[in-house]
Amino acid sequence: MKHLYFIFITLLLISCSSTKKAGLSAHTYKSQDGNPLLYNIYYPDEYHAKGAKLPLFIWLHGAGERGDDNVAQLIHIAPYLASDMVQKKYPSIILVPQCPENDYWAPIKRTEWTIINEGEVTAPMSKLIALIQQIMHDPKVDKSRIYIGGLSMGGFGTLDLISRKPEWFAAATPICGGADLTKVANFKDIPLWIFHGAKDPVVPVSLSHDLVKALEKHGVRPKYTEYPEGGHDVWNQAVKEQDYLSWLFQQRK
């Protein structure tokens, strides 16, 4: 098993090498409780220009990428967001934190998809909030253009965070996630593009249906894309939708 794990990590590092060369680098946020939050961050070349103001895009990974290697969270989407293809057209700071093993971004009980601990913020989310606050002190971050997206557990985390800090975000794109519907009013004014696979065997598509219905009760019609034959792993389709990036980066607070 150790041999297989070594092969997996080696292949993962190779697959992420182009992203690393592009400037995405590993860091550790040291929280007050002594438990760190690992993260990678990407700064485009434009960051070094005098007077630069750049959007910040926070990407939250799923349950399968949890850990303490500060690498696994780069498997999905992060390399694409930091790629030359994207950055030449939409230069932006990309923040990709890693949730520790056996923990969660949002207070959700998996498989049952119910709110736990009365909706109290999880330890990783609390640390992420503090990290984002720290990054927002950077004068080169455009505070009017802070975006967040995530897949699966990260989709839940995306909706959890915008319910706690709606004043921060210009737009959010949760993929195959779900929300605490009692907090929908908190983020009803944030532009959302919600994605889900109709045949998702992990996170029921009904959770996105319920979210859309809850928003509509508040007079909001979010963008919603459902893939009729899509399973759980629709995130690559979602972020490569023709209008995804153009829609996202035109949003402002």
Protein backbone atom coordinates (compact mmCIF):
# COMPACT_ATOMS: atom_id res chain seq x y z
CA MET A 1 0.00 0.00 0.00
CA LYS A 2 2.84 2.41 0.84
CA HIS A 3 4.35 1.71 -2.58
CA LEU A 4 1.06 2.53 -4.30
CA TYR A 5 0.70 5.72 -2.25
CA PHE A 6 4.22 6.80 -3.28
CA ILE A 7 3.37 6.20 -6.94
CA PHE A 8 0.14 8.21 -6.55
CA ILE A 9 1.88 11.18 -4.93
CA THR A 10 4.66 11.08 -7.55
CA LEU A 11 2.17 11.16 -10.40
CA LEU A 12 0.22 13.93 -8.66
CA LEU A 13 3.34 16.05 -8.26
CA ILE A 14 4.16 15.54 -11.94
CA SER A 15 0.62 16.52 -12.96
CA CYS A 16 0.86 19.68 -10.86
CA SER A 17 4.37 20.61 -12.02
CA SER A 18 3.20 23.02 -14.73
CA THR A 19 1.05 24.78 -12.16
CA LYS A 20 3.96 25.00 -9.74
CA LYS A 21 6.16 26.49 -12.45
CA ALA A 22 3.44 29.02 -13.15
CA GLY A 23 3.80 30.29 -9.60
CA LEU A 24 1.34 28.34 -7.47
CA SER A 25 3.16 27.71 -4.21
CA ALA A 26 2.57 25.97 -0.88
CA HIS A 27 2.18 27.86 2.41
CA THR A 28 0.96 27.30 5.95
CA TYR A 29 -1.43 29.53 7.85
CA LYS A 30 -0.67 29.34 11.57
CA SER A 31 -3.87 29.79 13.53
CA GLN A 32 -4.27 30.85 17.13
CA ASP A 33 -5.16 27.32 18.27
CA GLY A 34 -1.85 26.01 16.98
CA ASN A 35 -3.38 23.84 14.26
CA PRO A 36 -2.32 24.98 10.80
CA LEU A 37 -4.34 25.39 7.62
CA LEU A 38 -2.35 24.39 4.56
CA TYR A 39 -2.88 26.24 1.31
CA ASN A 40 -1.49 26.96 -2.13
CA ILE A 41 -1.67 30.39 -3.68
CA TYR A 42 -1.02 31.67 -7.17
CA TYR A 43 0.02 35.22 -8.09
CA PRO A 44 0.00 36.19 -11.79
CA ASP A 45 2.77 38.26 -13.33
CA GLU A 46 0.42 41.27 -13.27
CA TYR A 47 0.57 41.20 -9.47
CA HIS A 48 4.05 42.74 -9.61
CA ALA A 49 2.94 45.74 -11.65
CA LYS A 50 2.82 49.07 -9.85
CA GLY A 51 -0.70 49.87 -8.66
CA ALA A 52 -2.03 46.43 -9.59
CA LYS A 53 -5.55 45.47 -8.44
CA LEU A 54 -6.44 41.84 -9.02
CA PRO A 55 -9.44 39.63 -8.29
CA LEU A 56 -9.12 36.83 -5.73
CA PHE A 57 -10.65 33.45 -6.57
CA ILE A 58 -10.94 30.95 -3.71
CA TRP A 59 -11.34 27.32 -4.75
CA LEU A 60 -12.52 24.65 -2.28
CA HIS A 61 -11.77 20.98 -2.94
CA GLY A 62 -13.86 17.92 -2.18
CA ALA A 63 -13.65 15.24 0.52
CA GLY A 64 -11.29 13.05 -1.49
CA GLU A 65 -8.57 15.71 -1.48
CA ARG A 66 -8.41 16.26 2.29
CA GLY A 67 -5.10 15.66 4.04
CA ASP A 68 -1.86 17.19 5.21
CA ASP A 69 0.32 17.05 2.08
CA ASN A 70 -0.71 20.45 0.67
CA VAL A 71 -0.80 18.81 -2.76
CA ALA A 72 -3.94 16.68 -3.10
CA GLN A 73 -6.22 19.74 -3.28
CA LEU A 74 -4.54 20.60 -6.58
CA ILE A 75 -5.88 17.50 -8.37
CA HIS A 76 -9.03 19.13 -9.68
CA ILE A 77 -9.57 22.58 -11.24
CA ALA A 78 -6.73 24.47 -9.53
CA PRO A 79 -4.20 23.72 -12.32
CA TYR A 80 -6.73 24.95 -14.88
CA LEU A 81 -7.40 28.19 -13.01
CA ALA A 82 -3.68 28.88 -12.72
CA SER A 83 -2.94 27.88 -16.32
CA ASP A 84 -1.64 30.28 -18.94
CA MET A 85 -4.84 29.66 -20.90
CA VAL A 86 -6.94 31.19 -18.13
CA GLN A 87 -4.49 33.68 -16.68
CA LYS A 88 -3.71 35.38 -19.97
CA LYS A 89 -7.34 36.36 -20.25
CA TYR A 90 -8.32 36.61 -16.57
CA PRO A 91 -5.26 37.38 -14.43
CA SER A 92 -6.20 36.65 -10.84
CA ILE A 93 -4.94 35.47 -7.49
CA ILE A 94 -5.96 31.85 -6.86
CA LEU A 95 -6.25 30.55 -3.28
CA VAL A 96 -6.55 26.78 -2.79
CA PRO A 97 -6.68 25.72 0.89
CA GLN A 98 -6.58 22.09 2.07
CA CYS A 99 -9.04 20.75 4.62
CA PRO A 100 -7.51 18.29 7.11
CA GLU A 101 -8.37 14.60 6.91
CA ASN A 102 -11.68 13.66 8.60
CA ASP A 103 -12.81 17.28 8.81
CA TYR A 104 -15.19 19.36 6.69
CA TRP A 105 -15.61 22.85 5.28
CA ALA A 106 -19.28 23.00 6.30
CA PRO A 107 -21.15 21.52 9.30
CA ILE A 108 -22.81 18.80 7.21
CA LYS A 109 -23.31 15.12 7.98
CA ARG A 110 -22.26 13.21 4.90
CA THR A 111 -24.61 10.71 3.27
CA GLU A 112 -27.52 12.18 5.23
CA TRP A 113 -26.72 15.74 4.11
CA THR A 114 -28.12 17.29 7.25
CA ILE A 115 -26.87 20.26 9.26
CA ILE A 116 -24.95 19.29 12.40
CA ASN A 117 -23.69 21.15 15.49
CA GLU A 118 -26.50 23.67 15.05
CA GLY A 119 -24.69 25.04 12.02
CA GLU A 120 -21.65 26.22 13.96
CA VAL A 121 -18.61 27.04 11.87
CA THR A 122 -16.16 24.16 11.47
CA ALA A 123 -12.54 24.50 12.57
CA PRO A 124 -11.14 24.48 8.98
CA MET A 125 -13.68 27.07 7.86
CA SER A 126 -12.85 29.28 10.83
CA LYS A 127 -9.18 29.15 9.86
CA LEU A 128 -10.01 29.81 6.22
CA ILE A 129 -12.00 32.90 7.18
CA ALA A 130 -9.01 34.20 9.13
CA LEU A 131 -6.67 33.43 6.22
CA ILE A 132 -8.88 35.26 3.73
CA GLN A 133 -9.05 38.24 6.06
CA GLN A 134 -5.26 38.27 6.12
CA ILE A 135 -5.00 38.09 2.33
CA MET A 136 -7.60 40.84 1.93
CA HIS A 137 -5.21 43.22 3.72
CA ASP A 138 -3.04 43.06 0.61
CA PRO A 139 -3.66 46.38 -1.22
CA LYS A 140 -3.29 44.56 -4.55
CA VAL A 141 -6.42 42.48 -3.91
CA ASP A 142 -9.47 44.03 -5.55
CA LYS A 143 -12.02 43.85 -2.71
CA SER A 144 -14.85 44.32 -5.20
CA ARG A 145 -13.90 41.15 -7.07
CA ILE A 146 -13.61 38.28 -4.62
CA TYR A 147 -15.02 35.00 -5.92
CA ILE A 148 -15.44 31.52 -4.50
CA GLY A 149 -16.23 28.13 -5.97
CA GLY A 150 -15.91 24.52 -5.00
CA LEU A 151 -16.85 20.96 -5.78
CA SER A 152 -18.78 18.44 -3.67
CA MET A 153 -17.64 19.07 -0.06
CA GLY A 154 -16.24 22.31 -1.45
CA GLY A 155 -19.64 23.14 -2.95
CA PHE A 156 -21.12 22.87 0.53
CA GLY A 157 -18.19 24.93 1.84
CA THR A 158 -18.75 27.61 -0.79
CA LEU A 159 -22.37 28.05 0.26
CA ASP A 160 -21.46 27.92 3.94
CA LEU A 161 -18.84 30.64 3.61
CA ILE A 162 -21.00 33.04 1.62
CA SER A 163 -23.71 32.63 4.26
CA ARG A 164 -21.20 33.73 6.92
CA LYS A 165 -19.40 36.47 4.99
CA PRO A 166 -21.78 37.64 2.25
CA GLU A 167 -20.25 41.10 2.29
CA TRP A 168 -17.00 39.72 0.87
CA PHE A 169 -18.13 38.00 -2.30
CA ALA A 170 -18.95 39.27 -5.77
CA ALA A 171 -20.03 35.82 -7.03
CA ALA A 172 -20.00 32.13 -6.12
CA THR A 173 -20.14 28.89 -8.09
CA PRO A 174 -21.02 25.81 -6.02
CA ILE A 175 -20.77 22.50 -7.90
CA CYS A 176 -22.65 19.37 -6.72
CA GLY A 177 -23.14 20.80 -3.24
CA GLY A 178 -25.93 21.96 -0.97
CA ALA A 179 -26.75 24.67 1.54
CA ASP A 180 -28.20 25.32 4.96
CA LEU A 181 -31.52 26.61 3.63
CA THR A 182 -32.18 28.55 6.83
CA LYS A 183 -29.33 30.89 5.83
CA VAL A 184 -30.30 31.53 2.21
CA ALA A 185 -31.44 35.06 3.00
CA ASN A 186 -27.85 35.86 4.02
CA PHE A 187 -26.51 35.39 0.49
CA LYS A 188 -29.54 36.00 -1.73
CA ASP A 189 -27.92 39.11 -3.22
CA ILE A 190 -24.74 37.32 -4.33
CA PRO A 191 -24.76 36.23 -7.99
CA LEU A 192 -24.66 32.43 -8.09
CA TRP A 193 -24.10 29.89 -10.81
CA ILE A 194 -25.06 26.49 -9.43
CA PHE A 195 -24.08 23.21 -11.14
CA HIS A 196 -25.16 19.61 -10.56
CA GLY A 197 -25.36 16.29 -12.35
CA ALA A 198 -28.90 14.90 -12.61
CA LYS A 199 -27.61 11.38 -11.93
CA ASP A 200 -25.25 12.28 -9.08
CA PRO A 201 -24.96 9.12 -6.92
CA VAL A 202 -23.12 10.89 -4.09
CA VAL A 203 -24.76 14.26 -3.46
CA PRO A 204 -28.44 14.23 -4.48
CA VAL A 205 -29.36 16.73 -7.19
CA SER A 206 -32.41 17.53 -5.06
CA LEU A 207 -30.12 19.59 -2.80
CA SER A 208 -29.44 22.02 -5.65
CA HIS A 209 -33.13 21.97 -6.61
CA ASP A 210 -34.01 22.91 -3.02
CA LEU A 211 -31.45 25.71 -3.04
CA VAL A 212 -32.81 27.18 -6.27
CA LYS A 213 -36.37 27.01 -4.93
CA ALA A 214 -35.32 28.70 -1.67
CA LEU A 215 -33.64 31.52 -3.59
CA GLU A 216 -36.67 31.95 -5.82
CA LYS A 217 -38.81 32.42 -2.72
CA HIS A 218 -36.60 35.44 -2.01
CA GLY A 219 -37.22 36.77 -5.50
CA VAL A 220 -33.88 35.61 -6.85
CA ARG A 221 -33.32 33.50 -9.98
CA PRO A 222 -29.77 32.13 -9.85
CA LYS A 223 -28.03 30.67 -12.86
CA TYR A 224 -28.45 26.91 -12.72
CA THR A 225 -26.95 24.27 -14.97
CA GLU A 226 -27.94 20.63 -14.61
CA TYR A 227 -26.28 17.95 -16.71
CA PRO A 228 -28.97 15.36 -17.62
CA GLU A 229 -26.49 12.49 -17.85
CA GLY A 230 -24.03 13.92 -15.33
CA GLY A 231 -22.87 11.98 -12.30
CA HIS A 232 -20.91 13.39 -9.38
CA ASP A 233 -17.81 14.54 -11.27
CA VAL A 234 -19.28 17.32 -13.39
CA TRP A 235 -16.82 19.97 -12.20
CA ASN A 236 -14.63 19.85 -15.31
CA GLN A 237 -17.67 20.45 -17.50
CA ALA A 238 -18.84 23.25 -15.22
CA VAL A 239 -15.68 25.36 -15.13
CA LYS A 240 -15.20 24.94 -18.88
CA GLU A 241 -18.68 26.12 -19.78
CA GLN A 242 -18.29 28.69 -22.54
CA ASP A 243 -19.44 31.62 -20.41
CA TYR A 244 -18.24 30.45 -17.00
CA LEU A 245 -15.11 32.56 -16.63
CA SER A 246 -16.43 35.58 -18.50
CA TRP A 247 -19.56 35.59 -16.32
CA LEU A 248 -17.58 35.14 -13.13
CA PHE A 249 -14.94 37.80 -13.68
CA GLN A 250 -17.41 40.47 -14.76
CA GLN A 251 -19.18 40.30 -11.39
CA ARG A 252 -18.39 43.09 -8.93
CA LYS A 253 -19.59 44.06 -5.49
